[in-house]
Amino acid sequence: MYLARFSYDVLPANRPSALDFVRREVEAARKDGLDARLLIPLTRAHGGAALQFEVSLNSLDQLDQFRQRGAGSAKETGDWMRAFSDILLSPPAVEILRVDEG
């Protein structure tokens, strides 16, 4: 099993909008049958992410499939990505982790 974690850095004033964007991403993943969640750090190191999106995957191919499908139609996904990127301070940091089940 794998975890893909996307970390987003936004200004405090943009946090409510960012929460809405990430919640939409969580909903889209869940509609695809994936286990996904929004993580809100209560504490964070200097330069740490304001919000995180995490999705569990059985294979890495699922990540590509999910990212290609996006959150609705191609136009809706494009609009969502552009609007979200407008409030991000930097591109999202992406971590892909393998879960040790052994």
PDB file of N, CA and C in Angstrom:
ATOM      1  N   MET A   1       0.848  -1.172   0.000  1.00  0.00           N
ATOM      2  CA  MET A   1       0.000   0.000   0.000  1.00  0.00           C
ATOM      3  C   MET A   1       0.894   1.235   0.000  1.00  0.00           C
ATOM      4  N   TYR A   2       0.371   2.306  -0.588  1.00  0.00           N
ATOM      5  CA  TYR A   2       1.098   3.570  -0.702  1.00  0.00           C
ATOM      6  C   TYR A   2       0.238   4.710  -0.165  1.00  0.00           C
ATOM      7  N   LEU A   3       0.905   5.746   0.275  1.00  0.00           N
ATOM      8  CA  LEU A   3       0.239   6.997   0.626  1.00  0.00           C
ATOM      9  C   LEU A   3       0.833   8.091  -0.237  1.00  0.00           C
ATOM     10  N   ALA A   4      -0.012   8.885  -0.816  1.00  0.00           N
ATOM     11  CA  ALA A   4       0.440  10.079  -1.535  1.00  0.00           C
ATOM     12  C   ALA A   4      -0.027  11.264  -0.712  1.00  0.00           C
ATOM     13  N   ARG A   5       0.909  12.136  -0.387  1.00  0.00           N
ATOM     14  CA  ARG A   5       0.597  13.297   0.445  1.00  0.00           C
ATOM     15  C   ARG A   5       0.991  14.563  -0.303  1.00  0.00           C
ATOM     16  N   PHE A   6       0.041  15.468  -0.416  1.00  0.00           N
ATOM     17  CA  PHE A   6       0.237  16.753  -1.082  1.00  0.00           C
ATOM     18  C   PHE A   6       0.170  17.834  -0.012  1.00  0.00           C
ATOM     19  N   SER A   7       1.226  18.607   0.100  1.00  0.00           N
ATOM     20  CA  SER A   7       1.304  19.665   1.113  1.00  0.00           C
ATOM     21  C   SER A   7       1.168  21.022   0.438  1.00  0.00           C
ATOM     22  N   TYR A   8       0.280  21.831   0.975  1.00  0.00           N
ATOM     23  CA  TYR A   8      -0.039  23.125   0.376  1.00  0.00           C
ATOM     24  C   TYR A   8       0.316  24.254   1.342  1.00  0.00           C
ATOM     25  N   ASP A   9       0.937  25.287   0.814  1.00  0.00           N
ATOM     26  CA  ASP A   9       1.298  26.456   1.612  1.00  0.00           C
ATOM     27  C   ASP A   9       0.488  27.645   1.110  1.00  0.00           C
ATOM     28  N   VAL A  10      -0.296  28.220   2.024  1.00  0.00           N
ATOM     29  CA  VAL A  10      -1.137  29.372   1.678  1.00  0.00           C
ATOM     30  C   VAL A  10      -1.046  30.413   2.790  1.00  0.00           C
ATOM     31  N   LEU A  11      -1.380  31.622   2.450  1.00  0.00           N
ATOM     32  CA  LEU A  11      -1.457  32.680   3.456  1.00  0.00           C
ATOM     33  C   LEU A  11      -2.651  32.429   4.374  1.00  0.00           C
ATOM     34  N   PRO A  12      -2.558  32.850   5.634  1.00  0.00           N
ATOM     35  CA  PRO A  12      -3.695  32.666   6.544  1.00  0.00           C
ATOM     36  C   PRO A  12      -5.001  33.242   5.989  1.00  0.00           C
ATOM     37  N   ALA A  13      -4.936  34.345   5.291  1.00  0.00           N
ATOM     38  CA  ALA A  13      -6.146  34.959   4.729  1.00  0.00           C
ATOM     39  C   ALA A  13      -6.789  34.079   3.660  1.00  0.00           C
ATOM     40  N   ASN A  14      -5.995  33.220   3.015  1.00  0.00           N
ATOM     41  CA  ASN A  14      -6.516  32.345   1.952  1.00  0.00           C
ATOM     42  C   ASN A  14      -6.857  30.941   2.448  1.00  0.00           C
ATOM     43  N   ARG A  15      -6.667  30.707   3.726  1.00  0.00           N
ATOM     44  CA  ARG A  15      -6.910  29.365   4.269  1.00  0.00           C
ATOM     45  C   ARG A  15      -8.344  28.867   4.066  1.00  0.00           C
ATOM     46  N   PRO A  16      -9.383  29.690   4.310  1.00  0.00           N
ATOM     47  CA  PRO A  16     -10.749  29.193   4.074  1.00  0.00           C
ATOM     48  C   PRO A  16     -10.972  28.736   2.628  1.00  0.00           C
ATOM     49  N   SER A  17     -10.466  29.494   1.671  1.00  0.00           N
ATOM     50  CA  SER A  17     -10.600  29.093   0.266  1.00  0.00           C
ATOM     51  C   SER A  17      -9.817  27.822  -0.004  1.00  0.00           C
ATOM     52  N   ALA A  18      -8.613  27.728   0.557  1.00  0.00           N
ATOM     53  CA  ALA A  18      -7.787  26.534   0.363  1.00  0.00           C
ATOM     54  C   ALA A  18      -8.472  25.306   0.947  1.00  0.00           C
ATOM     55  N   LEU A  19      -9.109  25.459   2.089  1.00  0.00           N
ATOM     56  CA  LEU A  19      -9.851  24.343   2.682  1.00  0.00           C
ATOM     57  C   LEU A  19     -10.928  23.847   1.723  1.00  0.00           C
ATOM     58  N   ASP A  20     -11.641  24.767   1.093  1.00  0.00           N
ATOM     59  CA  ASP A  20     -12.677  24.381   0.128  1.00  0.00           C
ATOM     60  C   ASP A  20     -12.082  23.633  -1.055  1.00  0.00           C
ATOM     61  N   PHE A  21     -10.942  24.106  -1.571  1.00  0.00           N
ATOM     62  CA  PHE A  21     -10.300  23.442  -2.699  1.00  0.00           C
ATOM     63  C   PHE A  21      -9.861  22.022  -2.332  1.00  0.00           C
ATOM     64  N   VAL A  22      -9.257  21.865  -1.162  1.00  0.00           N
ATOM     65  CA  VAL A  22      -8.767  20.540  -0.764  1.00  0.00           C
ATOM     66  C   VAL A  22      -9.934  19.620  -0.437  1.00  0.00           C
ATOM     67  N   ARG A  23     -10.976  20.143   0.166  1.00  0.00           N
ATOM     68  CA  ARG A  23     -12.171  19.314   0.429  1.00  0.00           C
ATOM     69  C   ARG A  23     -12.751  18.776  -0.873  1.00  0.00           C
ATOM     70  N   ARG A  24     -12.720  19.575  -1.904  1.00  0.00           N
ATOM     71  CA  ARG A  24     -13.202  19.115  -3.209  1.00  0.00           C
ATOM     72  C   ARG A  24     -12.326  17.975  -3.730  1.00  0.00           C
ATOM     73  N   GLU A  25     -11.028  18.085  -3.511  1.00  0.00           N
ATOM     74  CA  GLU A  25     -10.101  17.034  -3.923  1.00  0.00           C
ATOM     75  C   GLU A  25     -10.371  15.742  -3.142  1.00  0.00           C
ATOM     76  N   VAL A  26     -10.636  15.862  -1.848  1.00  0.00           N
ATOM     77  CA  VAL A  26     -10.966  14.701  -1.018  1.00  0.00           C
ATOM     78  C   VAL A  26     -12.238  14.038  -1.540  1.00  0.00           C
ATOM     79  N   GLU A  27     -13.258  14.837  -1.816  1.00  0.00           N
ATOM     80  CA  GLU A  27     -14.524  14.296  -2.324  1.00  0.00           C
ATOM     81  C   GLU A  27     -14.326  13.564  -3.644  1.00  0.00           C
ATOM     82  N   ALA A  28     -13.531  14.127  -4.538  1.00  0.00           N
ATOM     83  CA  ALA A  28     -13.277  13.492  -5.829  1.00  0.00           C
ATOM     84  C   ALA A  28     -12.577  12.148  -5.642  1.00  0.00           C
ATOM     85  N   ALA A  29     -11.610  12.092  -4.743  1.00  0.00           N
ATOM     86  CA  ALA A  29     -10.908  10.830  -4.487  1.00  0.00           C
ATOM     87  C   ALA A  29     -11.856   9.792  -3.899  1.00  0.00           C
ATOM     88  N   ARG A  30     -12.690  10.208  -2.986  1.00  0.00           N
ATOM     89  CA  ARG A  30     -13.643   9.272  -2.370  1.00  0.00           C
ATOM     90  C   ARG A  30     -14.658   8.761  -3.390  1.00  0.00           C
ATOM     91  N   LYS A  31     -15.069   9.622  -4.311  1.00  0.00           N
ATOM     92  CA  LYS A  31     -15.984   9.175  -5.376  1.00  0.00           C
ATOM     93  C   LYS A  31     -15.331   8.113  -6.251  1.00  0.00           C
ATOM     94  N   ASP A  32     -13.998   8.164  -6.358  1.00  0.00           N
ATOM     95  CA  ASP A  32     -13.246   7.161  -7.111  1.00  0.00           C
ATOM     96  C   ASP A  32     -12.968   5.917  -6.276  1.00  0.00           C
ATOM     97  N   GLY A  33     -13.512   5.867  -5.053  1.00  0.00           N
ATOM     98  CA  GLY A  33     -13.330   4.698  -4.198  1.00  0.00           C
ATOM     99  C   GLY A  33     -12.021   4.688  -3.424  1.00  0.00           C
ATOM    100  N   LEU A  34     -11.344   5.822  -3.364  1.00  0.00           N
ATOM    101  CA  LEU A  34     -10.075   5.909  -2.646  1.00  0.00           C
ATOM    102  C   LEU A  34     -10.294   6.439  -1.233  1.00  0.00           C
ATOM    103  N   ASP A  35      -9.444   6.024  -0.336  1.00  0.00           N
ATOM    104  CA  ASP A  35      -9.467   6.530   1.038  1.00  0.00           C
ATOM    105  C   ASP A  35      -8.640   7.807   1.053  1.00  0.00           C
ATOM    106  N   ALA A  36      -9.295   8.926   1.287  1.00  0.00           N
ATOM    107  CA  ALA A  36      -8.614  10.217   1.234  1.00  0.00           C
ATOM    108  C   ALA A  36      -9.025  11.061   2.432  1.00  0.00           C
ATOM    109  N   ARG A  37      -8.131  11.962   2.800  1.00  0.00           N
ATOM    110  CA  ARG A  37      -8.445  12.849   3.925  1.00  0.00           C
ATOM    111  C   ARG A  37      -7.684  14.161   3.803  1.00  0.00           C
ATOM    112  N   LEU A  38      -8.252  15.161   4.445  1.00  0.00           N
ATOM    113  CA  LEU A  38      -7.650  16.484   4.574  1.00  0.00           C
ATOM    114  C   LEU A  38      -6.991  16.534   5.942  1.00  0.00           C
ATOM    115  N   LEU A  39      -5.721  16.899   5.969  1.00  0.00           N
ATOM    116  CA  LEU A  39      -4.989  17.025   7.231  1.00  0.00           C
ATOM    117  C   LEU A  39      -4.725  18.502   7.487  1.00  0.00           C
ATOM    118  N   ILE A  40      -5.056  18.941   8.704  1.00  0.00           N
ATOM    119  CA  ILE A  40      -4.846  20.327   9.094  1.00  0.00           C
ATOM    120  C   ILE A  40      -3.846  20.334  10.244  1.00  0.00           C
ATOM    121  N   PRO A  41      -2.612  20.733   9.972  1.00  0.00           N
ATOM    122  CA  PRO A  41      -1.595  20.732  11.031  1.00  0.00           C
ATOM    123  C   PRO A  41      -1.978  21.675  12.180  1.00  0.00           C
ATOM    124  N   LEU A  42      -1.872  21.166  13.396  1.00  0.00           N
ATOM    125  CA  LEU A  42      -2.102  22.004  14.574  1.00  0.00           C
ATOM    126  C   LEU A  42      -0.819  22.723  14.971  1.00  0.00           C
ATOM    127  N   THR A  43       0.300  22.088  14.694  1.00  0.00           N
ATOM    128  CA  THR A  43       1.606  22.704  14.867  1.00  0.00           C
ATOM    129  C   THR A  43       2.395  22.397  13.606  1.00  0.00           C
ATOM    130  N   ARG A  44       3.357  23.238  13.294  1.00  0.00           N
ATOM    131  CA  ARG A  44       4.187  22.973  12.126  1.00  0.00           C
ATOM    132  C   ARG A  44       5.522  23.686  12.251  1.00  0.00           C
ATOM    133  N   ALA A  45       6.506  23.071  11.646  1.00  0.00           N
ATOM    134  CA  ALA A  45       7.842  23.651  11.638  1.00  0.00           C
ATOM    135  C   ALA A  45       7.855  24.881  10.741  1.00  0.00           C
ATOM    136  N   HIS A  46       8.863  25.717  10.931  1.00  0.00           N
ATOM    137  CA  HIS A  46       9.022  26.882  10.063  1.00  0.00           C
ATOM    138  C   HIS A  46       9.045  26.420   8.600  1.00  0.00           C
ATOM    139  N   GLY A  47       8.206  27.010   7.793  1.00  0.00           N
ATOM    140  CA  GLY A  47       8.136  26.641   6.385  1.00  0.00           C
ATOM    141  C   GLY A  47       7.268  25.431   6.118  1.00  0.00           C
ATOM    142  N   GLY A  48       6.625  24.880   7.154  1.00  0.00           N
ATOM    143  CA  GLY A  48       5.775  23.705   6.980  1.00  0.00           C
ATOM    144  C   GLY A  48       4.472  24.050   6.278  1.00  0.00           C
ATOM    145  N   ALA A  49       3.835  23.031   5.739  1.00  0.00           N
ATOM    146  CA  ALA A  49       2.601  23.216   4.972  1.00  0.00           C
ATOM    147  C   ALA A  49       1.433  23.634   5.862  1.00  0.00           C
ATOM    148  N   ALA A  50       0.563  24.464   5.295  1.00  0.00           N
ATOM    149  CA  ALA A  50      -0.628  24.903   6.003  1.00  0.00           C
ATOM    150  C   ALA A  50      -1.711  23.830   5.970  1.00  0.00           C
ATOM    151  N   LEU A  51      -1.786  23.081   4.876  1.00  0.00           N
ATOM    152  CA  LEU A  51      -2.788  22.031   4.699  1.00  0.00           C
ATOM    153  C   LEU A  51      -2.165  20.865   3.951  1.00  0.00           C
ATOM    154  N   GLN A  52      -2.716  19.675   4.187  1.00  0.00           N
ATOM    155  CA  GLN A  52      -2.250  18.504   3.463  1.00  0.00           C
ATOM    156  C   GLN A  52      -3.435  17.674   2.999  1.00  0.00           C
ATOM    157  N   PHE A  53      -3.269  17.068   1.852  1.00  0.00           N
ATOM    158  CA  PHE A  53      -4.229  16.119   1.302  1.00  0.00           C
ATOM    159  C   PHE A  53      -3.507  14.788   1.218  1.00  0.00           C
ATOM    160  N   GLU A  54      -4.136  13.737   1.727  1.00  0.00           N
ATOM    161  CA  GLU A  54      -3.502  12.423   1.731  1.00  0.00           C
ATOM    162  C   GLU A  54      -4.473  11.405   1.151  1.00  0.00           C
ATOM    163  N   VAL A  55      -3.955  10.537   0.296  1.00  0.00           N
ATOM    164  CA  VAL A  55      -4.788   9.505  -0.313  1.00  0.00           C
ATOM    165  C   VAL A  55      -4.050   8.174  -0.240  1.00  0.00           C
ATOM    166  N   SER A  56      -4.772   7.117   0.135  1.00  0.00           N
ATOM    167  CA  SER A  56      -4.215   5.765   0.196  1.00  0.00           C
ATOM    168  C   SER A  56      -4.419   5.085  -1.144  1.00  0.00           C
ATOM    169  N   LEU A  57      -3.392   4.361  -1.575  1.00  0.00           N
ATOM    170  CA  LEU A  57      -3.417   3.717  -2.888  1.00  0.00           C
ATOM    171  C   LEU A  57      -2.937   2.280  -2.778  1.00  0.00           C
ATOM    172  N   ASN A  58      -3.545   1.403  -3.563  1.00  0.00           N
ATOM    173  CA  ASN A  58      -3.063   0.027  -3.636  1.00  0.00           C
ATOM    174  C   ASN A  58      -1.916  -0.095  -4.630  1.00  0.00           C
ATOM    175  N   SER A  59      -1.914   0.777  -5.623  1.00  0.00           N
ATOM    176  CA  SER A  59      -0.839   0.784  -6.615  1.00  0.00           C
ATOM    177  C   SER A  59      -0.567   2.234  -7.023  1.00  0.00           C
ATOM    178  N   LEU A  60       0.625   2.471  -7.514  1.00  0.00           N
ATOM    179  CA  LEU A  60       0.966   3.833  -7.951  1.00  0.00           C
ATOM    180  C   LEU A  60       0.186   4.242  -9.191  1.00  0.00           C
ATOM    181  N   ASP A  61      -0.281   3.264  -9.965  1.00  0.00           N
ATOM    182  CA  ASP A  61      -1.109   3.580 -11.129  1.00  0.00           C
ATOM    183  C   ASP A  61      -2.381   4.309 -10.723  1.00  0.00           C
ATOM    184  N   GLN A  62      -2.899   3.998  -9.548  1.00  0.00           N
ATOM    185  CA  GLN A  62      -4.117   4.673  -9.081  1.00  0.00           C
ATOM    186  C   GLN A  62      -3.896   6.177  -8.935  1.00  0.00           C
ATOM    187  N   LEU A  63      -2.703   6.571  -8.556  1.00  0.00           N
ATOM    188  CA  LEU A  63      -2.419   7.999  -8.420  1.00  0.00           C
ATOM    189  C   LEU A  63      -2.493   8.685  -9.773  1.00  0.00           C
ATOM    190  N   ASP A  64      -1.871   8.102 -10.777  1.00  0.00           N
ATOM    191  CA  ASP A  64      -1.935   8.672 -12.126  1.00  0.00           C
ATOM    192  C   ASP A  64      -3.370   8.751 -12.619  1.00  0.00           C
ATOM    193  N   GLN A  65      -4.129   7.683 -12.397  1.00  0.00           N
ATOM    194  CA  GLN A  65      -5.528   7.661 -12.839  1.00  0.00           C
ATOM    195  C   GLN A  65      -6.337   8.748 -12.140  1.00  0.00           C
ATOM    196  N   PHE A  66      -6.139   8.882 -10.840  1.00  0.00           N
ATOM    197  CA  PHE A  66      -6.872   9.896 -10.087  1.00  0.00           C
ATOM    198  C   PHE A  66      -6.499  11.296 -10.546  1.00  0.00           C
ATOM    199  N   ARG A  67      -5.212  11.558 -10.713  1.00  0.00           N
ATOM    200  CA  ARG A  67      -4.767  12.886 -11.117  1.00  0.00           C
ATOM    201  C   ARG A  67      -5.238  13.228 -12.525  1.00  0.00           C
ATOM    202  N   GLN A  68      -5.365  12.225 -13.404  1.00  0.00           N
ATOM    203  CA  GLN A  68      -5.846  12.465 -14.768  1.00  0.00           C
ATOM    204  C   GLN A  68      -7.343  12.786 -14.773  1.00  0.00           C
ATOM    205  N   ARG A  69      -8.113  12.074 -13.935  1.00  0.00           N
ATOM    206  CA  ARG A  69      -9.565  12.293 -13.899  1.00  0.00           C
ATOM    207  C   ARG A  69      -9.907  13.617 -13.257  1.00  0.00           C
ATOM    208  N   GLY A  70      -9.175  13.968 -12.203  1.00  0.00           N
ATOM    209  CA  GLY A  70      -9.406  15.253 -11.553  1.00  0.00           C
ATOM    210  C   GLY A  70     -10.714  15.329 -10.807  1.00  0.00           C
ATOM    211  N   ALA A  71     -11.227  16.527 -10.701  1.00  0.00           N
ATOM    212  CA  ALA A  71     -12.423  16.809  -9.901  1.00  0.00           C
ATOM    213  C   ALA A  71     -13.555  17.274 -10.798  1.00  0.00           C
ATOM    214  N   GLY A  72     -14.056  16.395 -11.631  1.00  0.00           N
ATOM    215  CA  GLY A  72     -15.150  16.735 -12.534  1.00  0.00           C
ATOM    216  C   GLY A  72     -14.699  16.687 -13.975  1.00  0.00           C
ATOM    217  N   SER A  73     -15.335  17.475 -14.806  1.00  0.00           N
ATOM    218  CA  SER A  73     -14.984  17.513 -16.224  1.00  0.00           C
ATOM    219  C   SER A  73     -13.590  18.118 -16.401  1.00  0.00           C
ATOM    220  N   ALA A  74     -13.053  17.997 -17.590  1.00  0.00           N
ATOM    221  CA  ALA A  74     -11.723  18.568 -17.859  1.00  0.00           C
ATOM    222  C   ALA A  74     -11.744  20.080 -17.627  1.00  0.00           C
ATOM    223  N   LYS A  75     -12.811  20.744 -18.042  1.00  0.00           N
ATOM    224  CA  LYS A  75     -12.913  22.191 -17.843  1.00  0.00           C
ATOM    225  C   LYS A  75     -13.017  22.521 -16.350  1.00  0.00           C
ATOM    226  N   GLU A  76     -13.862  21.784 -15.633  1.00  0.00           N
ATOM    227  CA  GLU A  76     -14.006  22.027 -14.193  1.00  0.00           C
ATOM    228  C   GLU A  76     -12.681  21.812 -13.464  1.00  0.00           C
ATOM    229  N   THR A  77     -11.980  20.742 -13.837  1.00  0.00           N
ATOM    230  CA  THR A  77     -10.693  20.447 -13.205  1.00  0.00           C
ATOM    231  C   THR A  77      -9.686  21.547 -13.512  1.00  0.00           C
ATOM    232  N   GLY A  78      -9.639  21.997 -14.760  1.00  0.00           N
ATOM    233  CA  GLY A  78      -8.727  23.072 -15.143  1.00  0.00           C
ATOM    234  C   GLY A  78      -9.029  24.352 -14.400  1.00  0.00           C
ATOM    235  N   ASP A  79     -10.312  24.695 -14.298  1.00  0.00           N
ATOM    236  CA  ASP A  79     -10.711  25.896 -13.562  1.00  0.00           C
ATOM    237  C   ASP A  79     -10.333  25.783 -12.082  1.00  0.00           C
ATOM    238  N   TRP A  80     -10.583  24.607 -11.498  1.00  0.00           N
ATOM    239  CA  TRP A  80     -10.258  24.360 -10.099  1.00  0.00           C
ATOM    240  C   TRP A  80      -8.747  24.503  -9.875  1.00  0.00           C
ATOM    241  N   MET A  81      -7.948  23.898 -10.750  1.00  0.00           N
ATOM    242  CA  MET A  81      -6.489  23.949 -10.603  1.00  0.00           C
ATOM    243  C   MET A  81      -5.957  25.371 -10.734  1.00  0.00           C
ATOM    244  N   ARG A  82      -6.483  26.128 -11.676  1.00  0.00           N
ATOM    245  CA  ARG A  82      -6.033  27.515 -11.851  1.00  0.00           C
ATOM    246  C   ARG A  82      -6.397  28.372 -10.642  1.00  0.00           C
ATOM    247  N   ALA A  83      -7.631  28.230 -10.168  1.00  0.00           N
ATOM    248  CA  ALA A  83      -8.069  29.028  -9.021  1.00  0.00           C
ATOM    249  C   ALA A  83      -7.278  28.669  -7.762  1.00  0.00           C
ATOM    250  N   PHE A  84      -7.030  27.374  -7.563  1.00  0.00           N
ATOM    251  CA  PHE A  84      -6.270  26.945  -6.401  1.00  0.00           C
ATOM    252  C   PHE A  84      -4.823  27.435  -6.509  1.00  0.00           C
ATOM    253  N   SER A  85      -4.225  27.324  -7.674  1.00  0.00           N
ATOM    254  CA  SER A  85      -2.825  27.743  -7.832  1.00  0.00           C
ATOM    255  C   SER A  85      -2.657  29.244  -7.607  1.00  0.00           C
ATOM    256  N   ASP A  86      -3.721  30.013  -7.839  1.00  0.00           N
ATOM    257  CA  ASP A  86      -3.647  31.461  -7.609  1.00  0.00           C
ATOM    258  C   ASP A  86      -3.408  31.815  -6.144  1.00  0.00           C
ATOM    259  N   ILE A  87      -3.822  30.947  -5.217  1.00  0.00           N
ATOM    260  CA  ILE A  87      -3.658  31.270  -3.793  1.00  0.00           C
ATOM    261  C   ILE A  87      -2.493  30.506  -3.150  1.00  0.00           C
ATOM    262  N   LEU A  88      -1.879  29.581  -3.883  1.00  0.00           N
ATOM    263  CA  LEU A  88      -0.739  28.852  -3.327  1.00  0.00           C
ATOM    264  C   LEU A  88       0.503  29.732  -3.331  1.00  0.00           C
ATOM    265  N   LEU A  89       1.289  29.653  -2.269  1.00  0.00           N
ATOM    266  CA  LEU A  89       2.531  30.416  -2.197  1.00  0.00           C
ATOM    267  C   LEU A  89       3.649  29.740  -2.980  1.00  0.00           C
ATOM    268  N   SER A  90       3.528  28.435  -3.182  1.00  0.00           N
ATOM    269  CA  SER A  90       4.513  27.663  -3.942  1.00  0.00           C
ATOM    270  C   SER A  90       3.813  26.404  -4.462  1.00  0.00           C
ATOM    271  N   PRO A  91       4.407  25.742  -5.442  1.00  0.00           N
ATOM    272  CA  PRO A  91       3.797  24.493  -5.909  1.00  0.00           C
ATOM    273  C   PRO A  91       3.681  23.501  -4.742  1.00  0.00           C
ATOM    274  N   PRO A  92       2.675  22.637  -4.785  1.00  0.00           N
ATOM    275  CA  PRO A  92       2.525  21.680  -3.692  1.00  0.00           C
ATOM    276  C   PRO A  92       3.727  20.743  -3.617  1.00  0.00           C
ATOM    277  N   ALA A  93       4.101  20.418  -2.392  1.00  0.00           N
ATOM    278  CA  ALA A  93       5.127  19.390  -2.183  1.00  0.00           C
ATOM    279  C   ALA A  93       4.401  18.051  -2.218  1.00  0.00           C
ATOM    280  N   VAL A  94       4.953  17.104  -2.955  1.00  0.00           N
ATOM    281  CA  VAL A  94       4.320  15.791  -3.094  1.00  0.00           C
ATOM    282  C   VAL A  94       5.258  14.740  -2.523  1.00  0.00           C
ATOM    283  N   GLU A  95       4.716  13.952  -1.611  1.00  0.00           N
ATOM    284  CA  GLU A  95       5.459  12.823  -1.048  1.00  0.00           C
ATOM    285  C   GLU A  95       4.694  11.557  -1.386  1.00  0.00           C
ATOM    286  N   ILE A  96       5.395  10.547  -1.828  1.00  0.00           N
ATOM    287  CA  ILE A  96       4.789   9.233  -2.043  1.00  0.00           C
ATOM    288  C   ILE A  96       5.514   8.287  -1.108  1.00  0.00           C
ATOM    289  N   LEU A  97       4.723   7.660  -0.243  1.00  0.00           N
ATOM    290  CA  LEU A  97       5.289   6.797   0.783  1.00  0.00           C
ATOM    291  C   LEU A  97       4.770   5.371   0.613  1.00  0.00           C
ATOM    292  N   ARG A  98       5.612   4.416   0.894  1.00  0.00           N
ATOM    293  CA  ARG A  98       5.186   3.015   0.899  1.00  0.00           C
ATOM    294  C   ARG A  98       4.932   2.638   2.345  1.00  0.00           C
ATOM    295  N   VAL A  99       3.787   2.002   2.604  1.00  0.00           N
ATOM    296  CA  VAL A  99       3.431   1.574   3.938  1.00  0.00           C
ATOM    297  C   VAL A  99       4.088   0.227   4.199  1.00  0.00           C
ATOM    298  N   ASP A 100       4.828   0.136   5.287  1.00  0.00           N
ATOM    299  CA  ASP A 100       5.473  -1.116   5.668  1.00  0.00           C
ATOM    300  C   ASP A 100       4.440  -1.995   6.354  1.00  0.00           C
ATOM    301  N   GLU A 101       4.104  -3.086   5.732  1.00  0.00           N
ATOM    302  CA  GLU A 101       3.105  -3.975   6.280  1.00  0.00           C
ATOM    303  C   GLU A 101       3.746  -5.259   6.790  1.00  0.00           C
ATOM    304  N   GLY A 102       5.055  -5.182   7.065  1.00  0.00           N
ATOM    305  CA  GLY A 102       5.727  -6.400   7.307  1.00  0.00           C
ATOM    306  C   GLY A 102       6.253  -6.807   8.572  1.00  0.00           C
TER     307      GLY A 102
END
